N, C-alpha and C. Protein backbone atom coordinates (compact mmCIF):
# COMPACT_ATOMS: atom_id res chain seq x y z
N MET A 1 -49.74 30.32 -29.98
CA MET A 1 -48.96 29.57 -30.93
C MET A 1 -48.14 28.49 -30.23
N LYS A 2 -47.54 28.83 -29.08
CA LYS A 2 -46.75 27.86 -28.33
C LYS A 2 -47.64 26.69 -27.88
N ARG A 3 -48.88 27.00 -27.55
CA ARG A 3 -49.82 25.98 -27.10
C ARG A 3 -50.07 24.97 -28.22
N ILE A 4 -50.20 25.45 -29.45
CA ILE A 4 -50.43 24.56 -30.60
C ILE A 4 -49.20 23.69 -30.83
N HIS A 5 -48.00 24.27 -30.73
CA HIS A 5 -46.77 23.51 -30.92
C HIS A 5 -46.65 22.41 -29.85
N ARG A 6 -46.98 22.77 -28.61
CA ARG A 6 -46.92 21.76 -27.54
C ARG A 6 -47.93 20.65 -27.78
N LEU A 7 -49.12 21.03 -28.24
CA LEU A 7 -50.15 20.04 -28.52
C LEU A 7 -49.71 19.11 -29.65
N LEU A 8 -49.17 19.69 -30.73
CA LEU A 8 -48.68 18.88 -31.85
C LEU A 8 -47.54 17.97 -31.41
N LEU A 9 -46.64 18.48 -30.60
CA LEU A 9 -45.54 17.67 -30.10
C LEU A 9 -46.06 16.52 -29.24
N SER A 10 -47.01 16.80 -28.39
CA SER A 10 -47.61 15.76 -27.55
C SER A 10 -48.27 14.67 -28.38
N VAL A 11 -49.00 15.08 -29.41
CA VAL A 11 -49.65 14.12 -30.30
C VAL A 11 -48.60 13.28 -31.02
N ALA A 12 -47.55 13.92 -31.52
CA ALA A 12 -46.49 13.19 -32.22
C ALA A 12 -45.82 12.18 -31.31
N ILE A 13 -45.53 12.57 -30.08
CA ILE A 13 -44.91 11.66 -29.12
C ILE A 13 -45.83 10.50 -28.81
N ALA A 14 -47.12 10.77 -28.63
CA ALA A 14 -48.09 9.71 -28.35
C ALA A 14 -48.18 8.73 -29.52
N LEU A 15 -48.22 9.25 -30.74
CA LEU A 15 -48.30 8.37 -31.92
C LEU A 15 -47.04 7.54 -32.05
N PHE A 16 -45.89 8.13 -31.80
CA PHE A 16 -44.63 7.39 -31.87
C PHE A 16 -44.63 6.29 -30.82
N ALA A 17 -45.07 6.61 -29.60
CA ALA A 17 -45.09 5.61 -28.53
C ALA A 17 -46.04 4.48 -28.86
N MET A 18 -47.20 4.79 -29.45
CA MET A 18 -48.15 3.75 -29.83
C MET A 18 -47.55 2.85 -30.89
N GLY A 19 -46.88 3.41 -31.86
CA GLY A 19 -46.25 2.62 -32.90
C GLY A 19 -45.16 1.73 -32.33
N SER A 20 -44.37 2.25 -31.41
CA SER A 20 -43.32 1.46 -30.78
C SER A 20 -43.91 0.35 -29.95
N PHE A 21 -45.00 0.62 -29.25
CA PHE A 21 -45.66 -0.39 -28.43
C PHE A 21 -46.19 -1.52 -29.30
N GLN A 22 -46.81 -1.18 -30.44
CA GLN A 22 -47.38 -2.21 -31.29
C GLN A 22 -46.28 -3.10 -31.86
N THR A 23 -45.20 -2.54 -32.29
CA THR A 23 -44.12 -3.35 -32.82
C THR A 23 -43.51 -4.20 -31.72
N ALA A 24 -43.32 -3.61 -30.55
CA ALA A 24 -42.75 -4.37 -29.45
C ALA A 24 -43.67 -5.51 -29.05
N SER A 25 -44.97 -5.27 -29.02
CA SER A 25 -45.93 -6.31 -28.65
C SER A 25 -45.88 -7.46 -29.64
N ALA A 26 -45.84 -7.14 -30.91
CA ALA A 26 -45.83 -8.19 -31.93
C ALA A 26 -44.52 -8.96 -31.89
N ASP A 27 -43.40 -8.31 -31.56
CA ASP A 27 -42.11 -8.98 -31.53
C ASP A 27 -41.83 -9.66 -30.20
N LYS A 28 -42.62 -9.39 -29.19
CA LYS A 28 -42.37 -9.85 -27.84
C LYS A 28 -42.11 -11.35 -27.76
N GLU A 29 -42.88 -12.12 -28.46
CA GLU A 29 -42.80 -13.56 -28.36
C GLU A 29 -41.92 -14.20 -29.43
N SER A 30 -41.21 -13.40 -30.23
CA SER A 30 -40.42 -13.99 -31.30
C SER A 30 -39.37 -14.93 -30.71
N LYS A 31 -38.90 -15.85 -31.54
CA LYS A 31 -37.95 -16.87 -31.11
C LYS A 31 -36.59 -16.55 -31.71
N PRO A 32 -35.71 -15.92 -30.96
CA PRO A 32 -34.43 -15.47 -31.52
C PRO A 32 -33.53 -16.61 -32.00
N PHE A 33 -33.73 -17.84 -31.51
CA PHE A 33 -32.85 -18.94 -31.89
C PHE A 33 -33.50 -19.89 -32.90
N ALA A 34 -34.66 -19.50 -33.44
CA ALA A 34 -35.33 -20.34 -34.43
C ALA A 34 -34.48 -20.43 -35.70
N GLU A 35 -34.53 -21.61 -36.31
CA GLU A 35 -33.76 -21.82 -37.55
C GLU A 35 -34.57 -21.38 -38.78
N LYS A 36 -35.88 -21.40 -38.67
CA LYS A 36 -36.76 -20.99 -39.76
C LYS A 36 -37.68 -19.91 -39.23
N ARG A 37 -37.97 -18.93 -40.10
CA ARG A 37 -38.90 -17.84 -39.75
C ARG A 37 -39.89 -17.71 -40.90
N VAL A 38 -41.17 -17.82 -40.54
CA VAL A 38 -42.22 -17.84 -41.56
C VAL A 38 -43.33 -16.88 -41.17
N VAL A 39 -43.76 -16.06 -42.12
CA VAL A 39 -44.94 -15.22 -41.94
C VAL A 39 -46.01 -15.74 -42.89
N LEU A 40 -47.17 -16.04 -42.34
CA LEU A 40 -48.31 -16.53 -43.11
C LEU A 40 -49.32 -15.41 -43.27
N GLN A 41 -49.74 -15.18 -44.49
CA GLN A 41 -50.71 -14.12 -44.80
C GLN A 41 -52.10 -14.73 -44.91
N ILE A 42 -53.08 -14.09 -44.24
CA ILE A 42 -54.49 -14.43 -44.45
C ILE A 42 -55.22 -13.13 -44.74
N SER A 43 -55.71 -13.03 -45.96
CA SER A 43 -56.43 -11.82 -46.38
C SER A 43 -57.74 -12.18 -47.05
N ASP A 44 -58.20 -13.39 -46.79
CA ASP A 44 -59.39 -13.93 -47.44
C ASP A 44 -60.38 -14.39 -46.36
N ASN A 45 -61.64 -14.11 -46.55
CA ASN A 45 -62.66 -14.52 -45.59
C ASN A 45 -63.13 -15.95 -45.81
N ASN A 46 -62.61 -16.63 -46.79
CA ASN A 46 -63.01 -17.99 -47.11
C ASN A 46 -62.64 -18.92 -45.94
N PRO A 47 -63.62 -19.61 -45.34
CA PRO A 47 -63.33 -20.51 -44.21
C PRO A 47 -62.31 -21.59 -44.57
N PHE A 48 -62.31 -22.06 -45.82
CA PHE A 48 -61.34 -23.06 -46.25
C PHE A 48 -59.92 -22.49 -46.13
N LYS A 49 -59.72 -21.25 -46.57
CA LYS A 49 -58.38 -20.64 -46.50
C LYS A 49 -57.99 -20.35 -45.05
N GLN A 50 -58.96 -20.00 -44.21
CA GLN A 50 -58.66 -19.78 -42.80
C GLN A 50 -58.16 -21.07 -42.16
N THR A 51 -58.85 -22.17 -42.45
CA THR A 51 -58.42 -23.46 -41.93
C THR A 51 -57.06 -23.84 -42.50
N LEU A 52 -56.86 -23.57 -43.78
CA LEU A 52 -55.60 -23.89 -44.44
C LEU A 52 -54.43 -23.16 -43.79
N VAL A 53 -54.57 -21.88 -43.50
CA VAL A 53 -53.46 -21.13 -42.90
C VAL A 53 -53.14 -21.68 -41.52
N LEU A 54 -54.14 -22.10 -40.77
CA LEU A 54 -53.91 -22.70 -39.45
C LEU A 54 -53.25 -24.07 -39.60
N ASN A 55 -53.66 -24.84 -40.62
CA ASN A 55 -53.04 -26.14 -40.89
C ASN A 55 -51.56 -25.98 -41.24
N VAL A 56 -51.26 -24.99 -42.07
CA VAL A 56 -49.87 -24.75 -42.47
C VAL A 56 -49.03 -24.41 -41.23
N ALA A 57 -49.54 -23.53 -40.38
CA ALA A 57 -48.81 -23.19 -39.15
C ALA A 57 -48.59 -24.43 -38.30
N ASN A 58 -49.61 -25.24 -38.15
CA ASN A 58 -49.50 -26.47 -37.36
C ASN A 58 -48.48 -27.42 -37.98
N ASN A 59 -48.51 -27.57 -39.30
CA ASN A 59 -47.57 -28.46 -39.98
C ASN A 59 -46.12 -27.98 -39.83
N LEU A 60 -45.93 -26.67 -39.85
CA LEU A 60 -44.58 -26.14 -39.65
C LEU A 60 -44.06 -26.47 -38.25
N ILE A 61 -44.92 -26.32 -37.26
CA ILE A 61 -44.55 -26.63 -35.87
C ILE A 61 -44.24 -28.12 -35.74
N LYS A 62 -45.08 -28.96 -36.32
CA LYS A 62 -44.86 -30.41 -36.26
C LYS A 62 -43.55 -30.80 -36.94
N HIS A 63 -43.29 -30.24 -38.11
CA HIS A 63 -42.11 -30.62 -38.88
C HIS A 63 -40.81 -30.15 -38.24
N TYR A 64 -40.74 -28.87 -37.91
CA TYR A 64 -39.49 -28.30 -37.40
C TYR A 64 -39.36 -28.36 -35.88
N GLY A 65 -40.49 -28.42 -35.18
CA GLY A 65 -40.49 -28.34 -33.73
C GLY A 65 -40.74 -26.90 -33.30
N ALA A 66 -41.46 -26.75 -32.21
CA ALA A 66 -41.87 -25.42 -31.76
C ALA A 66 -40.70 -24.48 -31.49
N ASP A 67 -39.57 -25.02 -31.06
CA ASP A 67 -38.40 -24.18 -30.76
C ASP A 67 -37.57 -23.83 -31.99
N LYS A 68 -37.79 -24.54 -33.09
CA LYS A 68 -36.94 -24.37 -34.27
C LYS A 68 -37.58 -23.52 -35.36
N VAL A 69 -38.86 -23.19 -35.21
CA VAL A 69 -39.53 -22.37 -36.22
C VAL A 69 -40.31 -21.25 -35.54
N ASP A 70 -40.19 -20.07 -36.12
CA ASP A 70 -40.89 -18.89 -35.63
C ASP A 70 -41.96 -18.56 -36.66
N VAL A 71 -43.23 -18.63 -36.24
CA VAL A 71 -44.35 -18.44 -37.16
C VAL A 71 -45.22 -17.29 -36.69
N GLU A 72 -45.55 -16.41 -37.62
CA GLU A 72 -46.50 -15.34 -37.34
C GLU A 72 -47.54 -15.31 -38.45
N ILE A 73 -48.80 -15.29 -38.06
CA ILE A 73 -49.91 -15.18 -39.01
C ILE A 73 -50.40 -13.74 -38.97
N VAL A 74 -50.41 -13.10 -40.14
CA VAL A 74 -50.84 -11.71 -40.24
C VAL A 74 -52.16 -11.67 -40.99
N ALA A 75 -53.19 -11.13 -40.33
CA ALA A 75 -54.53 -11.05 -40.91
C ALA A 75 -54.87 -9.61 -41.24
N PHE A 76 -55.36 -9.42 -42.47
CA PHE A 76 -55.82 -8.09 -42.88
C PHE A 76 -56.93 -8.26 -43.90
N GLY A 77 -57.61 -7.15 -44.19
CA GLY A 77 -58.75 -7.21 -45.11
C GLY A 77 -59.76 -8.22 -44.59
N PRO A 78 -60.48 -8.89 -45.50
CA PRO A 78 -61.49 -9.87 -45.07
C PRO A 78 -60.91 -10.99 -44.21
N GLY A 79 -59.60 -11.24 -44.32
CA GLY A 79 -58.96 -12.28 -43.52
C GLY A 79 -58.95 -11.99 -42.04
N LEU A 80 -59.21 -10.74 -41.66
CA LEU A 80 -59.26 -10.39 -40.23
C LEU A 80 -60.31 -11.21 -39.50
N ARG A 81 -61.33 -11.64 -40.22
CA ARG A 81 -62.40 -12.41 -39.58
C ARG A 81 -61.89 -13.69 -38.92
N LEU A 82 -60.75 -14.19 -39.36
CA LEU A 82 -60.14 -15.34 -38.69
C LEU A 82 -59.90 -15.03 -37.22
N LEU A 83 -59.57 -13.78 -36.92
CA LEU A 83 -59.22 -13.40 -35.56
C LEU A 83 -60.38 -12.82 -34.75
N PHE A 84 -61.59 -12.86 -35.32
CA PHE A 84 -62.75 -12.43 -34.55
C PHE A 84 -62.91 -13.33 -33.32
N ALA A 85 -63.33 -12.75 -32.23
CA ALA A 85 -63.47 -13.49 -30.97
C ALA A 85 -64.35 -14.72 -31.12
N GLU A 86 -65.35 -14.66 -31.94
CA GLU A 86 -66.28 -15.78 -32.07
C GLU A 86 -66.04 -16.62 -33.32
N ASN A 87 -64.86 -16.57 -33.88
CA ASN A 87 -64.54 -17.41 -35.04
C ASN A 87 -64.54 -18.87 -34.62
N ALA A 88 -65.00 -19.74 -35.49
CA ALA A 88 -65.08 -21.18 -35.20
C ALA A 88 -63.70 -21.77 -34.90
N ASN A 89 -62.64 -21.11 -35.32
CA ASN A 89 -61.28 -21.62 -35.12
C ASN A 89 -60.61 -21.11 -33.84
N LYS A 90 -61.35 -20.49 -32.95
CA LYS A 90 -60.72 -19.86 -31.79
C LYS A 90 -59.95 -20.86 -30.92
N GLY A 91 -60.41 -22.11 -30.84
CA GLY A 91 -59.70 -23.13 -30.08
C GLY A 91 -58.36 -23.48 -30.72
N ARG A 92 -58.34 -23.57 -32.04
CA ARG A 92 -57.09 -23.86 -32.75
C ARG A 92 -56.12 -22.70 -32.62
N ILE A 93 -56.66 -21.48 -32.66
CA ILE A 93 -55.81 -20.29 -32.51
C ILE A 93 -55.15 -20.30 -31.14
N LYS A 94 -55.91 -20.60 -30.12
CA LYS A 94 -55.37 -20.68 -28.75
C LYS A 94 -54.30 -21.76 -28.67
N SER A 95 -54.57 -22.91 -29.25
CA SER A 95 -53.62 -24.02 -29.24
C SER A 95 -52.32 -23.66 -29.95
N LEU A 96 -52.42 -23.01 -31.10
CA LEU A 96 -51.23 -22.59 -31.83
C LEU A 96 -50.46 -21.51 -31.07
N THR A 97 -51.18 -20.62 -30.40
CA THR A 97 -50.52 -19.59 -29.59
C THR A 97 -49.69 -20.26 -28.49
N ASP A 98 -50.22 -21.33 -27.93
CA ASP A 98 -49.50 -22.06 -26.88
C ASP A 98 -48.18 -22.65 -27.38
N THR A 99 -48.07 -22.89 -28.70
CA THR A 99 -46.82 -23.40 -29.27
C THR A 99 -45.90 -22.27 -29.74
N GLY A 100 -46.33 -21.03 -29.58
CA GLY A 100 -45.51 -19.89 -29.93
C GLY A 100 -45.89 -19.17 -31.20
N VAL A 101 -46.92 -19.64 -31.90
CA VAL A 101 -47.38 -18.94 -33.11
C VAL A 101 -48.00 -17.61 -32.68
N ARG A 102 -47.65 -16.54 -33.39
CA ARG A 102 -48.19 -15.21 -33.10
C ARG A 102 -49.23 -14.85 -34.15
N PHE A 103 -50.22 -14.07 -33.73
CA PHE A 103 -51.29 -13.61 -34.61
C PHE A 103 -51.33 -12.10 -34.58
N SER A 104 -51.14 -11.48 -35.75
CA SER A 104 -51.17 -10.03 -35.87
C SER A 104 -52.42 -9.60 -36.63
N ALA A 105 -53.08 -8.58 -36.12
CA ALA A 105 -54.32 -8.07 -36.71
C ALA A 105 -54.11 -6.64 -37.19
N CYS A 106 -54.44 -6.40 -38.44
CA CYS A 106 -54.26 -5.09 -39.05
C CYS A 106 -55.19 -4.05 -38.42
N GLN A 107 -54.61 -3.02 -37.81
CA GLN A 107 -55.41 -1.97 -37.18
C GLN A 107 -56.21 -1.19 -38.21
N ASN A 108 -55.67 -1.00 -39.41
CA ASN A 108 -56.44 -0.32 -40.45
C ASN A 108 -57.72 -1.08 -40.76
N THR A 109 -57.62 -2.40 -40.84
CA THR A 109 -58.80 -3.22 -41.11
C THR A 109 -59.75 -3.21 -39.92
N ILE A 110 -59.21 -3.27 -38.72
CA ILE A 110 -60.05 -3.22 -37.51
C ILE A 110 -60.89 -1.95 -37.52
N THR A 111 -60.24 -0.83 -37.81
CA THR A 111 -60.93 0.47 -37.84
C THR A 111 -62.00 0.48 -38.93
N ALA A 112 -61.65 0.03 -40.13
CA ALA A 112 -62.61 0.04 -41.25
C ALA A 112 -63.78 -0.90 -40.99
N MET A 113 -63.50 -2.10 -40.47
CA MET A 113 -64.59 -3.05 -40.19
C MET A 113 -65.48 -2.57 -39.06
N SER A 114 -64.89 -1.95 -38.05
CA SER A 114 -65.69 -1.41 -36.94
C SER A 114 -66.65 -0.36 -37.47
N LYS A 115 -66.17 0.47 -38.37
CA LYS A 115 -67.02 1.51 -38.96
C LYS A 115 -68.11 0.87 -39.83
N ALA A 116 -67.74 -0.11 -40.65
CA ALA A 116 -68.72 -0.76 -41.54
C ALA A 116 -69.76 -1.54 -40.76
N LEU A 117 -69.34 -2.18 -39.66
CA LEU A 117 -70.27 -2.97 -38.84
C LEU A 117 -71.03 -2.10 -37.84
N ASP A 118 -70.62 -0.85 -37.71
CA ASP A 118 -71.22 0.10 -36.78
C ASP A 118 -71.11 -0.35 -35.32
N GLU A 119 -70.03 -1.09 -35.04
CA GLU A 119 -69.71 -1.51 -33.67
C GLU A 119 -68.25 -1.95 -33.64
N PRO A 120 -67.64 -1.86 -32.48
CA PRO A 120 -66.23 -2.26 -32.40
C PRO A 120 -66.05 -3.75 -32.72
N VAL A 121 -65.02 -4.05 -33.48
CA VAL A 121 -64.69 -5.43 -33.79
C VAL A 121 -64.09 -6.06 -32.53
N LYS A 122 -64.56 -7.24 -32.18
CA LYS A 122 -64.04 -7.96 -31.01
C LYS A 122 -63.14 -9.08 -31.51
N LEU A 123 -61.86 -8.98 -31.16
CA LEU A 123 -60.88 -9.96 -31.60
C LEU A 123 -60.57 -10.95 -30.48
N THR A 124 -60.06 -12.11 -30.89
CA THR A 124 -59.58 -13.09 -29.92
C THR A 124 -58.48 -12.44 -29.08
N SER A 125 -58.36 -12.86 -27.86
CA SER A 125 -57.33 -12.29 -26.98
C SER A 125 -55.92 -12.65 -27.46
N ASN A 126 -55.80 -13.59 -28.39
CA ASN A 126 -54.50 -14.00 -28.91
C ASN A 126 -54.00 -13.09 -30.03
N ALA A 127 -54.83 -12.18 -30.50
CA ALA A 127 -54.45 -11.29 -31.60
C ALA A 127 -53.79 -10.02 -31.06
N VAL A 128 -52.72 -9.62 -31.71
CA VAL A 128 -52.03 -8.38 -31.36
C VAL A 128 -52.22 -7.40 -32.51
N PRO A 129 -52.85 -6.25 -32.25
CA PRO A 129 -53.01 -5.26 -33.33
C PRO A 129 -51.66 -4.69 -33.76
N VAL A 130 -51.50 -4.55 -35.07
CA VAL A 130 -50.34 -3.88 -35.66
C VAL A 130 -50.88 -2.79 -36.56
N SER A 131 -50.12 -1.75 -36.78
CA SER A 131 -50.65 -0.59 -37.50
C SER A 131 -51.22 -0.94 -38.87
N ALA A 132 -50.50 -1.77 -39.63
CA ALA A 132 -50.96 -2.16 -40.97
C ALA A 132 -50.44 -3.57 -41.26
N GLY A 133 -51.32 -4.45 -41.66
CA GLY A 133 -50.94 -5.84 -41.92
C GLY A 133 -49.88 -5.98 -42.99
N VAL A 134 -50.05 -5.26 -44.08
CA VAL A 134 -49.09 -5.36 -45.19
C VAL A 134 -47.73 -4.83 -44.75
N VAL A 135 -47.71 -3.76 -43.99
CA VAL A 135 -46.44 -3.22 -43.49
C VAL A 135 -45.78 -4.23 -42.56
N ARG A 136 -46.58 -4.89 -41.73
CA ARG A 136 -46.03 -5.91 -40.83
C ARG A 136 -45.36 -7.03 -41.63
N ILE A 137 -46.02 -7.47 -42.69
CA ILE A 137 -45.44 -8.52 -43.53
C ILE A 137 -44.13 -8.05 -44.16
N ILE A 138 -44.13 -6.84 -44.71
CA ILE A 138 -42.91 -6.29 -45.32
C ILE A 138 -41.78 -6.22 -44.30
N ASP A 139 -42.10 -5.75 -43.09
CA ASP A 139 -41.08 -5.66 -42.04
C ASP A 139 -40.52 -7.03 -41.68
N LEU A 140 -41.40 -8.03 -41.58
CA LEU A 140 -40.93 -9.38 -41.25
C LEU A 140 -40.08 -9.96 -42.38
N VAL A 141 -40.49 -9.75 -43.61
CA VAL A 141 -39.68 -10.23 -44.76
C VAL A 141 -38.31 -9.55 -44.72
N ASP A 142 -38.27 -8.27 -44.42
CA ASP A 142 -36.99 -7.56 -44.30
C ASP A 142 -36.12 -8.14 -43.19
N GLN A 143 -36.75 -8.77 -42.19
CA GLN A 143 -36.01 -9.39 -41.07
C GLN A 143 -35.63 -10.84 -41.38
N GLY A 144 -35.94 -11.30 -42.60
CA GLY A 144 -35.53 -12.64 -43.00
C GLY A 144 -36.62 -13.70 -42.95
N TYR A 145 -37.85 -13.30 -42.68
CA TYR A 145 -38.97 -14.25 -42.68
C TYR A 145 -39.33 -14.62 -44.11
N GLN A 146 -39.77 -15.85 -44.31
CA GLN A 146 -40.29 -16.30 -45.61
C GLN A 146 -41.78 -16.06 -45.61
N LEU A 147 -42.30 -15.42 -46.66
CA LEU A 147 -43.72 -15.16 -46.78
C LEU A 147 -44.38 -16.34 -47.48
N VAL A 148 -45.45 -16.85 -46.85
CA VAL A 148 -46.25 -17.92 -47.43
C VAL A 148 -47.70 -17.45 -47.44
N LYS A 149 -48.33 -17.57 -48.60
CA LYS A 149 -49.74 -17.18 -48.75
C LYS A 149 -50.55 -18.41 -49.14
N PRO A 150 -50.98 -19.18 -48.13
CA PRO A 150 -51.73 -20.42 -48.44
C PRO A 150 -53.03 -20.13 -49.17
């Protein structure tokens, strides 16, 4: 019985540590002195909407300046395809990352898509997995971010 309790405790500690790591990773690059904070949602596989969300992020950076706006794009559901390693927008994603834009990828969607595709999903190196895309958005809104769904 003690062995089971130790095993359950170990699993709980590991899960807690993973959750803390994911949140810390996603927050690592945040801009504490930004005047504007924006979270952009992409949950659509439509290439037009993928381009639009990247355009909006770029326009925010141009308008406010890279140091004055904190932008995070959260991809979940079919929108996760924006963050696939071989997405046509990978150059733009890299460029936006260089200006401080963060990209969060829903782990729930990664798991489901990997199962549906029968192979692991390969994401761009600029994407940071978060436990759930919708939860990430809610947490950012609670921190004062404005949600925009282009």
